[in-house]
Amino acid sequence: MYHAFYPGREWLDTEGKPIQAHGGSVIYVKDRYYWYGENKEKTDGKNGIWHWGVRCYSSADLYNWKDEGLIIPPDPEDETSPLHPSACMDRPHILFNAQTGKFVCWLKIMEKDGRQTETVLTADRILGPYTIVKTGLMPLGMSAGDFDLAADENGKAYYFFDKVHSEMICAELTEDYTDVSGVFSRHFPRSQPPYVREAVAHFKRGGLHYLITSGTTGYLPNPSELAVSEDWHGPYRLLGEVHPGDESHTSFHSQVSCVFKVREREDLYIAMADRWVPDRMDLRYEDYAEWFRIRFAPGSTDEELARAEELGKRLPADGEISTAKARYVWLPFRFDGEQAVLDWQDEWTW
């Protein structure tokens, strides 16, 4: 049994197996926490398997997690399915809709034609079974990347996503949470990767809405950025880097996927993050920021592209990374006024 958090170390479930809930989130249902995410147990970076469904775990103490199985299994028989193991399915998020009594799950799918779409599923129970109700959804007609779902106290729900390689969007959901209503706002316009913000995680504290975003550098980590607003739709004020103590500027070699409040504590918020490439802790952000800048900059010269090619030779490609080996970095927020900071801790308890 665990009695503390150990960020960056291998985390085993109650059966002694590595937890497989990457790009994940935590939801609280009937006195238990449920942690769900991408099951990467069969992904080695070589076999063409991107995922093996969505796996879920339950816990009463946040340290020890029981494997509840695949709540959304893969569909290995249908190569056209968004749940086929070769489909690039990422970052599941689930909201409970009190009005419909349904758990609603959104999945990001990176399509083979370059578009990024959403698949939406619903279930009567947090552990499923889940039924697909929408595929190929392009919210507001946009190619939609990494995202987060959140709801206010009255049940109105919001969908934060990055319009791929462009800007961040906050879109209001329909009453059943299975689509966008058409009301939206735009934030953080950027010219190109690595500057474009993605992997947004929302939380609310003291009447303020917080957004944590990362830059766009694939599985290679970069400096997370914090923004705050009094309203869902902003305007958001930038407060700087979330991990100011990290000299590598890689957010402690991780990427935040979710922030949740611990019910048993008055002011404890935990940031969940994935350390996607734990065997390349030698890399610093400056080692690959230039590669992304040149590759995506319009009008890059042949000389610049040649330089990028040389820089890229020592970088692992996204499709070659064995994400089954990814580790988790869970850290508590420290607040100074409206500023929120994540400090490194080798071991901590709540």
Protein backbone atom coordinates (compact mmCIF):
# COMPACT_ATOMS: atom_id res chain seq x y z
CA MET A 1 0.00 0.00 0.00
CA TYR A 2 1.00 3.59 -0.64
CA HIS A 3 0.83 6.25 2.07
CA ALA A 4 2.14 9.18 -0.02
CA PHE A 5 2.56 10.49 -3.54
CA TYR A 6 5.90 9.92 -5.30
CA PRO A 7 5.91 12.14 -8.41
CA GLY A 8 7.72 10.66 -11.39
CA ARG A 9 8.09 7.16 -9.95
CA GLU A 10 6.32 4.09 -11.29
CA TRP A 11 2.81 3.92 -9.79
CA LEU A 12 1.22 0.49 -9.33
CA ASP A 13 -2.44 -0.36 -8.81
CA THR A 14 -3.70 -2.52 -5.93
CA GLU A 15 -2.86 -5.64 -7.98
CA GLY A 16 0.75 -4.54 -8.44
CA LYS A 17 0.42 -3.58 -12.12
CA PRO A 18 1.48 -0.22 -13.61
CA ILE A 19 -1.45 2.20 -13.73
CA GLN A 20 -2.53 2.89 -17.34
CA ALA A 21 -4.62 6.08 -17.28
CA HIS A 22 -2.57 8.55 -19.30
CA GLY A 23 -3.75 12.00 -20.37
CA GLY A 24 -6.27 11.37 -17.65
CA SER A 25 -8.69 13.03 -15.26
CA VAL A 26 -10.28 12.41 -11.87
CA ILE A 27 -14.02 12.55 -11.18
CA TYR A 28 -15.68 12.17 -7.77
CA VAL A 29 -18.77 9.91 -7.65
CA LYS A 30 -20.55 8.65 -4.52
CA ASP A 31 -17.70 8.97 -2.01
CA ARG A 32 -15.02 7.62 -4.33
CA TYR A 33 -12.52 9.10 -6.72
CA TYR A 34 -12.33 7.67 -10.24
CA TRP A 35 -9.18 8.15 -12.31
CA TYR A 36 -9.55 7.35 -16.01
CA GLY A 37 -7.35 7.85 -19.03
CA GLU A 38 -5.69 6.39 -22.10
CA ASN A 39 -4.71 2.74 -21.69
CA LYS A 40 -1.26 2.49 -23.29
CA GLU A 41 -0.35 -1.00 -22.08
CA LYS A 42 0.14 -2.32 -25.63
CA THR A 43 1.77 0.81 -27.10
CA ASP A 44 5.50 0.37 -27.73
CA GLY A 45 6.05 3.03 -30.41
CA LYS A 46 6.61 0.41 -33.10
CA ASN A 47 3.52 -1.80 -33.44
CA GLY A 48 1.02 0.82 -34.63
CA ILE A 49 -1.11 0.56 -31.48
CA TRP A 50 -1.85 4.07 -30.21
CA HIS A 51 -4.20 3.01 -27.41
CA TRP A 52 -6.06 0.06 -25.98
CA GLY A 53 -9.22 1.82 -24.81
CA VAL A 54 -9.95 3.94 -21.76
CA ARG A 55 -9.15 2.35 -18.39
CA CYS A 56 -10.55 3.48 -15.04
CA TYR A 57 -9.41 3.10 -11.43
CA SER A 58 -11.16 3.87 -8.15
CA SER A 59 -9.78 5.04 -4.81
CA ALA A 60 -10.88 6.34 -1.42
CA ASP A 61 -7.50 7.81 -0.40
CA LEU A 62 -5.98 8.96 -3.76
CA TYR A 63 -2.84 6.88 -3.11
CA ASN A 64 -4.10 3.35 -3.78
CA TRP A 65 -6.08 2.68 -6.95
CA LYS A 66 -8.17 -0.38 -7.82
CA ASP A 67 -8.34 -1.33 -11.50
CA GLU A 68 -12.00 -1.16 -12.59
CA GLY A 69 -11.20 -2.32 -16.11
CA LEU A 70 -11.76 -0.86 -19.55
CA ILE A 71 -14.77 1.44 -19.37
CA ILE A 72 -14.39 2.15 -23.10
CA PRO A 73 -12.79 -0.87 -24.79
CA PRO A 74 -10.93 -0.69 -28.11
CA ASP A 75 -12.58 -1.85 -31.33
CA PRO A 76 -9.84 -3.90 -33.04
CA GLU A 77 -12.18 -5.33 -35.70
CA ASP A 78 -13.28 -2.06 -37.34
CA GLU A 79 -10.39 -0.08 -38.83
CA THR A 80 -12.72 2.87 -39.49
CA SER A 81 -13.77 3.15 -35.84
CA PRO A 82 -12.40 6.00 -33.68
CA LEU A 83 -11.82 3.29 -31.09
CA HIS A 84 -9.64 1.14 -33.33
CA PRO A 85 -6.24 0.70 -31.62
CA SER A 86 -4.48 2.49 -34.49
CA ALA A 87 -6.72 5.56 -34.14
CA CYS A 88 -4.97 8.41 -32.36
CA MET A 89 -7.39 8.73 -29.45
CA ASP A 90 -6.31 11.12 -26.68
CA ARG A 91 -7.28 12.77 -23.40
CA PRO A 92 -10.75 11.45 -22.45
CA HIS A 93 -12.86 13.77 -20.29
CA ILE A 94 -16.11 12.86 -18.53
CA LEU A 95 -18.84 15.08 -17.07
CA PHE A 96 -21.97 13.97 -15.24
CA ASN A 97 -25.14 15.62 -16.54
CA ALA A 98 -27.62 15.86 -13.66
CA GLN A 99 -30.44 16.83 -16.02
CA THR A 100 -30.15 13.73 -18.22
CA GLY A 101 -28.62 11.41 -15.62
CA LYS A 102 -25.87 10.52 -18.10
CA PHE A 103 -22.11 10.43 -17.86
CA VAL A 104 -20.84 12.10 -21.03
CA CYS A 105 -17.36 11.34 -22.36
CA TRP A 106 -15.52 13.26 -25.08
CA LEU A 107 -12.48 11.82 -26.88
CA LYS A 108 -10.07 13.65 -29.17
CA ILE A 109 -9.30 11.75 -32.37
CA MET A 110 -6.41 12.72 -34.66
CA GLU A 111 -7.72 11.64 -38.04
CA LYS A 112 -5.52 10.19 -40.77
CA ASP A 113 -6.37 13.16 -43.05
CA GLY A 114 -4.87 15.61 -40.55
CA ARG A 115 -8.12 16.82 -38.99
CA GLN A 116 -8.68 16.53 -35.25
CA THR A 117 -12.25 15.61 -34.33
CA GLU A 118 -14.27 14.59 -31.29
CA THR A 119 -16.09 11.37 -30.50
CA VAL A 120 -18.83 11.65 -27.86
CA LEU A 121 -20.18 8.77 -25.76
CA THR A 122 -22.72 8.48 -22.94
CA ALA A 123 -23.35 5.99 -20.11
CA ASP A 124 -25.68 5.53 -17.16
CA ARG A 125 -22.79 4.67 -14.83
CA ILE A 126 -19.30 6.06 -14.48
CA LEU A 127 -17.91 2.58 -15.25
CA GLY A 128 -20.08 2.21 -18.34
CA PRO A 129 -20.95 0.67 -20.68
CA TYR A 130 -20.53 3.73 -22.91
CA THR A 131 -22.38 4.15 -26.20
CA ILE A 132 -21.07 6.29 -29.05
CA VAL A 133 -23.54 9.08 -29.90
CA LYS A 134 -21.33 11.23 -32.18
CA THR A 135 -18.20 10.68 -34.29
CA GLY A 136 -16.23 13.04 -36.50
CA LEU A 137 -17.52 16.07 -34.61
CA MET A 138 -15.74 19.28 -35.60
CA PRO A 139 -17.03 21.76 -33.01
CA LEU A 140 -17.83 25.13 -34.57
CA GLY A 141 -16.39 23.69 -37.79
CA MET A 142 -12.91 23.75 -36.26
CA SER A 143 -10.17 21.15 -36.07
CA ALA A 144 -10.15 20.65 -32.29
CA GLY A 145 -7.10 19.52 -30.35
CA ASP A 146 -6.41 18.88 -26.66
CA PHE A 147 -9.27 19.97 -24.45
CA ASP A 148 -10.95 20.06 -21.07
CA LEU A 149 -14.61 19.91 -19.98
CA ALA A 150 -16.00 21.77 -16.98
CA ALA A 151 -19.39 22.74 -15.55
CA ASP A 152 -20.61 25.46 -13.21
CA GLU A 153 -22.72 25.03 -10.08
CA ASN A 154 -25.94 25.28 -12.11
CA GLY A 155 -24.92 22.52 -14.52
CA LYS A 156 -24.01 24.72 -17.50
CA ALA A 157 -21.01 23.13 -19.20
CA TYR A 158 -18.04 24.45 -21.12
CA TYR A 159 -15.52 22.96 -23.53
CA PHE A 160 -12.01 24.45 -23.71
CA PHE A 161 -9.96 23.33 -26.70
CA ASP A 162 -7.13 24.45 -28.89
CA LYS A 163 -8.08 25.27 -32.45
CA VAL A 164 -5.15 23.35 -33.85
CA HIS A 165 -1.98 25.46 -34.25
CA SER A 166 -3.94 28.67 -33.81
CA GLU A 167 -5.72 29.70 -30.58
CA MET A 168 -7.68 28.54 -27.54
CA ILE A 169 -11.49 28.36 -27.69
CA CYS A 170 -14.02 28.34 -24.84
CA ALA A 171 -17.30 26.95 -26.21
CA GLU A 172 -20.55 26.43 -24.34
CA LEU A 173 -22.05 22.94 -24.53
CA THR A 174 -25.65 22.04 -25.30
CA GLU A 175 -27.87 21.06 -22.38
CA ASP A 176 -27.16 17.35 -22.90
CA TYR A 177 -23.35 17.99 -23.12
CA THR A 178 -23.04 16.13 -26.44
CA ASP A 179 -22.35 19.12 -28.70
CA VAL A 180 -21.49 22.82 -28.68
CA SER A 181 -24.26 25.40 -28.62
CA GLY A 182 -22.58 27.93 -30.91
CA VAL A 183 -21.62 30.43 -28.17
CA PHE A 184 -17.85 30.69 -27.83
CA SER A 185 -14.89 32.99 -27.16
CA ARG A 186 -11.31 33.12 -28.45
CA HIS A 187 -8.11 33.31 -26.37
CA PHE A 188 -4.30 33.25 -26.63
CA PRO A 189 -3.85 33.63 -30.42
CA ARG A 190 -0.36 32.50 -31.43
CA SER A 191 1.40 32.33 -34.77
CA GLN A 192 2.64 28.72 -34.74
CA PRO A 193 4.07 25.90 -32.61
CA PRO A 194 5.77 25.82 -30.19
CA TYR A 195 4.03 29.01 -29.03
CA VAL A 196 0.42 27.90 -29.62
CA ARG A 197 -1.25 26.92 -26.35
CA GLU A 198 -2.74 23.43 -25.96
CA ALA A 199 -3.47 20.77 -23.31
CA VAL A 200 -5.69 23.14 -21.34
CA ALA A 201 -6.71 22.24 -17.77
CA HIS A 202 -9.39 24.35 -16.04
CA PHE A 203 -10.19 24.75 -12.37
CA LYS A 204 -12.08 27.28 -10.30
CA ARG A 205 -11.02 28.71 -6.94
CA GLY A 206 -12.35 31.67 -4.99
CA GLY A 207 -14.50 32.90 -7.85
CA LEU A 208 -11.60 32.84 -10.31
CA HIS A 209 -11.25 30.61 -13.35
CA TYR A 210 -7.75 29.23 -13.85
CA LEU A 211 -6.38 27.81 -17.10
CA ILE A 212 -3.11 25.90 -17.33
CA THR A 213 -1.86 25.41 -20.87
CA SER A 214 1.27 23.96 -22.43
CA GLY A 215 3.04 24.95 -25.60
CA THR A 216 2.84 22.75 -28.68
CA THR A 217 5.82 20.37 -28.77
CA GLY A 218 4.21 16.93 -29.08
CA TYR A 219 5.18 14.54 -26.29
CA LEU A 220 8.26 16.63 -25.48
CA PRO A 221 7.40 18.89 -22.51
CA ASN A 222 7.60 22.66 -22.35
CA PRO A 223 6.87 25.53 -19.92
CA SER A 224 3.26 25.52 -18.68
CA GLU A 225 1.52 28.88 -18.57
CA LEU A 226 -1.08 30.09 -16.07
CA ALA A 227 -3.99 32.44 -16.84
CA VAL A 228 -6.87 33.64 -14.68
CA SER A 229 -10.24 35.34 -15.20
CA GLU A 230 -13.41 36.24 -13.31
CA ASP A 231 -15.53 34.81 -16.12
CA TRP A 232 -15.59 31.59 -18.14
CA HIS A 233 -15.11 33.56 -21.34
CA GLY A 234 -12.40 35.85 -20.01
CA PRO A 235 -10.61 38.03 -20.66
CA TYR A 236 -7.80 35.92 -19.16
CA ARG A 237 -4.80 37.56 -17.52
CA LEU A 238 -1.49 35.76 -18.01
CA LEU A 239 0.29 35.09 -14.69
CA GLY A 240 3.40 33.40 -16.02
CA GLU A 241 4.94 29.95 -15.69
CA VAL A 242 3.32 27.42 -13.35
CA HIS A 243 6.63 25.68 -12.54
CA PRO A 244 8.99 28.63 -11.90
CA GLY A 245 11.45 26.43 -10.01
CA ASP A 246 12.14 24.18 -13.01
CA GLU A 247 15.41 25.26 -14.64
CA SER A 248 14.85 22.90 -17.59
CA HIS A 249 11.61 24.77 -18.46
CA THR A 250 9.87 21.47 -19.11
CA SER A 251 7.25 21.66 -16.33
CA PHE A 252 9.28 19.07 -14.43
CA HIS A 253 9.39 16.99 -17.63
CA SER A 254 5.61 16.62 -17.67
CA GLN A 255 2.36 17.92 -19.14
CA VAL A 256 -0.70 18.73 -16.99
CA SER A 257 -3.91 16.98 -18.07
CA CYS A 258 -6.28 17.81 -15.19
CA VAL A 259 -6.60 19.77 -11.95
CA PHE A 260 -9.03 18.58 -9.30
CA LYS A 261 -9.98 19.69 -5.80
CA VAL A 262 -9.60 17.24 -2.90
CA ARG A 263 -13.03 17.04 -1.25
CA GLU A 264 -11.64 16.41 2.24
CA ARG A 265 -9.51 19.57 2.29
CA GLU A 266 -10.64 23.19 2.13
CA ASP A 267 -8.06 24.50 -0.31
CA LEU A 268 -6.13 21.60 -1.84
CA TYR A 269 -5.94 21.39 -5.62
CA ILE A 270 -3.87 18.67 -7.28
CA ALA A 271 -2.39 18.97 -10.76
CA MET A 272 -2.23 15.65 -12.61
CA ALA A 273 0.49 15.46 -15.24
CA ASP A 274 2.09 12.86 -17.50
CA ARG A 275 5.82 12.41 -17.89
CA TRP A 276 5.52 11.01 -21.39
CA VAL A 277 9.24 10.47 -22.08
CA PRO A 278 10.81 9.46 -18.74
CA ASP A 279 13.93 8.02 -20.39
CA ARG A 280 14.94 11.40 -21.89
CA MET A 281 15.26 13.49 -18.75
CA ASP A 282 18.44 14.92 -20.26
CA LEU A 283 16.45 17.07 -22.69
CA ARG A 284 15.71 20.70 -21.90
CA TYR A 285 13.13 22.88 -23.63
CA GLU A 286 15.77 24.88 -25.48
CA ASP A 287 17.04 21.60 -27.00
CA TYR A 288 13.96 21.30 -29.20
CA ALA A 289 12.08 24.63 -29.12
CA GLU A 290 14.07 25.80 -32.13
CA TRP A 291 13.26 22.61 -34.05
CA PHE A 292 9.52 23.24 -33.64
CA ARG A 293 9.89 26.94 -34.43
CA ILE A 294 11.67 26.31 -37.73
CA ARG A 295 9.50 23.39 -38.80
CA PHE A 296 6.26 25.35 -38.41
CA ALA A 297 7.41 28.87 -39.29
CA PRO A 298 6.07 30.07 -42.64
CA GLY A 299 8.86 30.88 -45.06
CA SER A 300 11.68 28.97 -43.34
CA THR A 301 14.79 29.00 -45.52
CA ASP A 302 16.59 25.90 -46.78
CA GLU A 303 19.41 26.72 -44.39
CA GLU A 304 17.02 26.88 -41.45
CA LEU A 305 15.35 23.61 -42.45
CA ALA A 306 18.75 21.95 -42.68
CA ARG A 307 19.52 23.18 -39.18
CA ALA A 308 16.17 21.81 -37.98
CA GLU A 309 16.98 18.44 -39.50
CA GLU A 310 20.24 18.32 -37.55
CA LEU A 311 18.45 19.35 -34.34
CA GLY A 312 15.82 16.68 -34.89
CA LYS A 313 18.28 13.80 -35.13
CA ARG A 314 18.57 13.57 -31.35
CA LEU A 315 14.84 13.92 -30.68
CA PRO A 316 12.40 11.01 -30.37
CA ALA A 317 9.46 11.22 -32.78
CA ASP A 318 5.95 11.07 -31.26
CA GLY A 319 5.14 7.84 -33.07
CA GLU A 320 8.31 6.16 -31.78
CA ILE A 321 7.73 6.85 -28.08
CA SER A 322 6.72 3.93 -25.88
CA THR A 323 4.03 5.76 -23.92
CA ALA A 324 3.28 2.60 -21.93
CA LYS A 325 6.34 3.60 -19.90
CA ALA A 326 5.05 7.11 -19.16
CA ARG A 327 5.04 8.18 -15.51
CA TYR A 328 2.72 10.42 -13.52
CA VAL A 329 3.61 13.66 -11.79
CA TRP A 330 0.96 14.73 -9.26
CA LEU A 331 1.73 17.90 -7.30
CA PRO A 332 -0.27 20.22 -4.99
CA PHE A 333 -0.76 23.88 -5.79
CA ARG A 334 0.69 26.58 -3.58
CA PHE A 335 -1.25 29.84 -3.76
CA ASP A 336 0.04 33.36 -3.24
CA GLY A 337 -2.96 35.61 -3.76
CA GLU A 338 -4.29 34.68 -7.18
CA GLN A 339 -0.94 33.24 -8.27
CA ALA A 340 -0.79 29.43 -8.34
CA VAL A 341 2.54 27.59 -8.28
CA LEU A 342 3.64 23.96 -8.51
CA ASP A 343 6.80 23.19 -6.51
CA TRP A 344 8.73 19.95 -6.93
CA GLN A 345 8.41 17.40 -4.13
CA ASP A 346 9.94 13.92 -4.17
CA GLU A 347 7.29 12.75 -1.72
CA TRP A 348 4.19 14.38 -0.24
CA THR A 349 0.89 13.58 1.48
CA TRP A 350 -2.40 15.37 1.65
